[in-house]
Protein backbone atom coordinates (compact mmCIF):
# COMPACT_ATOMS: atom_id res chain seq x y z
CA MET A 1 -57.32 -52.32 30.61
CA ILE A 2 -57.82 -48.29 29.68
CA GLY A 3 -54.37 -47.15 29.70
CA MET A 4 -52.26 -50.57 29.70
CA ARG A 5 -49.80 -50.88 26.63
CA ILE A 6 -47.28 -53.54 26.09
CA ARG A 7 -44.13 -52.98 24.95
CA ASP A 8 -40.27 -53.88 24.68
CA ALA A 9 -38.15 -54.13 27.40
CA ARG A 10 -35.94 -52.32 27.71
CA ALA A 11 -32.63 -51.84 29.78
CA GLU A 12 -34.07 -48.95 32.33
CA ASP A 13 -37.02 -50.72 32.99
CA ALA A 14 -34.73 -53.29 34.96
CA ALA A 15 -35.26 -51.79 37.99
CA ARG A 16 -39.12 -51.94 37.99
CA LEU A 17 -38.57 -55.14 36.91
CA LEU A 18 -35.91 -56.25 39.28
CA GLU A 19 -38.82 -54.94 42.51
CA ILE A 20 -41.61 -56.56 40.65
CA TYR A 21 -39.06 -60.15 41.42
CA ALA A 22 -37.66 -59.87 44.23
CA ARG A 23 -41.10 -59.65 45.95
CA TYR A 24 -41.88 -63.45 44.38
CA VAL A 25 -37.71 -64.30 45.76
CA ARG A 26 -38.47 -63.34 49.32
CA GLU A 27 -41.45 -63.68 50.22
CA THR A 28 -43.20 -67.02 47.55
CA ALA A 29 -42.17 -70.52 46.91
CA VAL A 30 -43.24 -69.09 42.69
CA THR A 31 -39.48 -68.84 41.83
CA PHE A 32 -37.07 -71.77 43.60
CA ASP A 33 -34.98 -68.43 43.70
CA TYR A 34 -33.73 -68.17 47.14
CA ASP A 35 -31.62 -65.12 46.85
CA VAL A 36 -32.79 -61.18 44.67
CA PRO A 37 -30.57 -61.41 42.31
CA THR A 38 -28.17 -57.71 42.00
CA GLN A 39 -29.42 -55.51 39.39
CA GLU A 40 -26.96 -55.83 37.08
CA GLU A 41 -27.22 -60.31 37.48
CA PHE A 42 -30.79 -58.78 36.86
CA GLU A 43 -30.56 -56.68 33.75
CA ARG A 44 -27.45 -59.85 32.30
CA ARG A 45 -30.49 -61.94 32.42
CA MET A 46 -32.86 -59.26 30.22
CA ARG A 47 -29.54 -58.79 27.45
CA ASN A 48 -29.34 -62.46 27.43
CA THR A 49 -32.81 -63.23 26.33
CA LEU A 50 -33.48 -60.32 24.13
CA GLU A 51 -30.39 -61.79 22.00
CA ARG A 52 -32.89 -64.45 20.61
CA TYR A 53 -36.49 -63.79 22.37
CA PRO A 54 -39.15 -61.52 23.56
CA TYR A 55 -39.02 -59.79 26.77
CA LEU A 56 -42.10 -57.68 27.15
CA VAL A 57 -43.70 -55.10 29.51
CA VAL A 58 -47.00 -54.04 30.63
CA GLU A 59 -47.54 -51.11 31.97
CA GLU A 60 -50.22 -48.97 32.87
CA ASP A 61 -50.18 -45.14 32.86
CA GLY A 62 -46.52 -45.39 31.60
CA THR A 63 -45.62 -47.69 35.21
CA ALA A 64 -44.60 -51.09 34.48
CA GLN A 65 -47.24 -53.78 36.19
CA GLY A 66 -45.57 -57.32 35.26
CA TYR A 67 -43.73 -58.97 32.58
CA ALA A 68 -43.20 -62.10 30.16
CA TYR A 69 -40.32 -63.27 28.35
CA ALA A 70 -39.63 -66.29 26.44
CA GLY A 71 -36.49 -68.56 26.60
CA PRO A 72 -34.64 -71.90 25.18
CA PHE A 73 -36.27 -75.00 25.86
CA VAL A 74 -33.65 -77.33 27.12
CA GLY A 75 -31.07 -75.71 24.85
CA ARG A 76 -30.06 -77.83 22.28
CA ALA A 77 -30.64 -77.39 18.03
CA ALA A 78 -33.66 -80.22 17.98
CA TYR A 79 -36.02 -78.05 20.41
CA ARG A 80 -35.81 -74.66 18.48
CA HIS A 81 -39.51 -74.45 17.70
CA SER A 82 -39.88 -74.38 21.93
CA CYS A 83 -39.57 -72.35 24.27
CA GLU A 84 -40.45 -71.73 28.20
CA LEU A 85 -42.49 -68.98 29.18
CA THR A 86 -42.50 -66.74 32.40
CA ILE A 87 -44.42 -64.00 34.00
CA TYR A 88 -44.69 -62.05 36.77
CA LEU A 89 -47.29 -59.25 38.01
CA ASP A 90 -47.25 -56.63 40.47
CA PRO A 91 -49.67 -58.07 43.10
CA ARG A 92 -51.88 -55.05 42.51
CA ALA A 93 -52.20 -55.89 39.14
CA LYS A 94 -53.32 -59.22 39.49
CA GLY A 95 -57.37 -60.09 37.81
CA LYS A 96 -56.98 -57.06 35.33
CA GLY A 97 -56.52 -59.05 32.36
CA TYR A 98 -52.66 -57.99 32.79
CA GLY A 99 -51.40 -61.44 32.40
CA ARG A 100 -53.39 -62.60 28.88
CA ALA A 101 -52.24 -59.49 27.66
CA LEU A 102 -49.25 -60.45 27.54
CA TYR A 103 -48.98 -64.02 26.70
CA GLU A 104 -51.58 -63.57 23.90
CA ALA A 105 -48.84 -61.05 22.94
CA LEU A 106 -45.63 -63.29 23.31
CA GLU A 107 -47.29 -66.24 21.74
CA ALA A 108 -48.18 -64.00 18.15
CA ARG A 109 -44.08 -62.71 18.56
CA LEU A 110 -43.39 -66.31 19.16
CA ARG A 111 -45.65 -67.65 16.42
CA ALA A 112 -44.41 -65.89 13.97
CA MET A 113 -40.96 -66.45 15.02
CA GLY A 114 -41.67 -70.03 14.18
CA ILE A 115 -41.99 -71.37 17.70
CA LEU A 116 -44.59 -74.39 17.68
CA ASN A 117 -43.87 -75.45 21.32
CA LEU A 118 -44.82 -72.99 24.65
CA TYR A 119 -43.68 -74.37 27.90
CA ALA A 120 -44.15 -73.18 31.50
CA CYS A 121 -42.12 -74.88 34.53
CA ILE A 122 -44.17 -73.98 37.32
CA GLY A 123 -43.90 -74.80 40.77
CA ASP A 124 -46.59 -76.69 42.70
CA PRO A 125 -47.50 -76.85 46.06
CA ILE A 126 -48.45 -80.38 47.62
CA VAL A 127 -50.71 -78.98 49.66
CA GLU A 128 -51.24 -74.86 49.12
CA ASP A 129 -49.85 -72.77 52.07
CA GLU A 130 -48.99 -69.13 52.66
CA TYR A 131 -45.75 -69.39 49.66
CA LEU A 132 -47.76 -71.13 47.17
CA THR A 133 -51.37 -71.56 45.56
CA ARG A 134 -52.48 -72.86 42.62
CA ASN A 135 -53.07 -69.94 41.28
CA SER A 136 -50.74 -70.25 38.15
CA GLU A 137 -51.33 -73.14 37.15
CA GLN A 138 -55.07 -72.55 36.75
CA PHE A 139 -54.03 -69.21 34.84
CA HIS A 140 -51.77 -71.63 32.53
CA ARG A 141 -55.04 -73.87 32.18
CA HIS A 142 -56.97 -71.02 31.19
CA LEU A 143 -55.16 -69.87 28.23
CA GLY A 144 -54.80 -73.24 26.98
CA PHE A 145 -51.90 -75.21 28.25
CA GLU A 146 -51.89 -78.47 29.63
CA LYS A 147 -50.57 -80.17 32.06
CA VAL A 148 -47.51 -83.08 30.97
CA GLY A 149 -45.63 -83.53 34.42
CA THR A 150 -44.48 -83.44 37.65
CA PHE A 151 -41.25 -83.73 39.31
CA HIS A 152 -42.04 -84.66 43.14
CA ARG A 153 -40.36 -82.61 46.15
CA CYS A 154 -37.81 -81.04 43.56
CA GLY A 155 -37.77 -77.57 45.19
CA TYR A 156 -36.63 -77.07 48.87
CA LYS A 157 -37.85 -73.34 50.06
CA PHE A 158 -39.10 -71.96 53.52
CA GLY A 159 -38.33 -75.02 54.93
CA ARG A 160 -41.09 -77.35 52.55
CA TRP A 161 -41.01 -79.07 49.78
CA TYR A 162 -42.72 -78.75 46.70
CA ASN A 163 -43.28 -79.67 43.12
CA MET A 164 -42.92 -78.68 39.77
CA ILE A 165 -44.92 -79.43 36.55
CA TRP A 166 -44.68 -78.50 33.41
CA MET A 167 -47.22 -76.92 31.49
CA GLU A 168 -47.55 -77.46 27.78
CA LYS A 169 -49.53 -75.79 24.88
CA LEU A 170 -48.70 -76.54 21.34
CA ILE A 171 -49.72 -73.14 18.52
CA GLY A 172 -47.98 -74.13 15.29
CA LYS A 173 -48.90 -77.36 13.13
CA HIS A 174 -45.69 -79.70 13.58
CA ARG A 175 -44.35 -80.42 9.77
CA ARG A 176 -41.46 -82.44 8.15
CA GLU A 177 -38.97 -79.50 7.24
CA GLU A 178 -37.92 -81.76 4.58
CA ASP A 179 -41.10 -81.98 2.76
CA GLY A 180 -41.01 -78.19 2.82
CA GLU A 181 -44.16 -77.72 4.49
């Protein structure tokens, strides 16, 4: 991981991060987006995330190789101690430890914010194919996430049905706020 650095995302990263994401949209069922967002839409998404949550970039020798961010889990007040995580890596950056490094940095930031539960919504193949494998599930499991739910045949892309799974990782102690703990 020589030359690897994790930093906060900036507006000027949008074009490179969108380039990474676009491949997932066009060539995989990792995301259920059908169309690559415009750069303006992608920038808007980044700004919305950065208003409340961390959005991190991993770079190697000054070039972004991937990114990870947190977002609201469900979006209701009672879920304020939980969030959903998202990660995308340039395919050439896989296997270098960048995904783990991004998630560890993201988890540390979220713990400092009082987040206790992390969730990942993951496309899950009924049968692995050229568009979707179980790599994401295995990655999350390796980092301490557990599968907590399956939605069957809820995503349709490339003429195929895919399941979606939720994975969860608890990173803090759950206390009653009225006890002051």
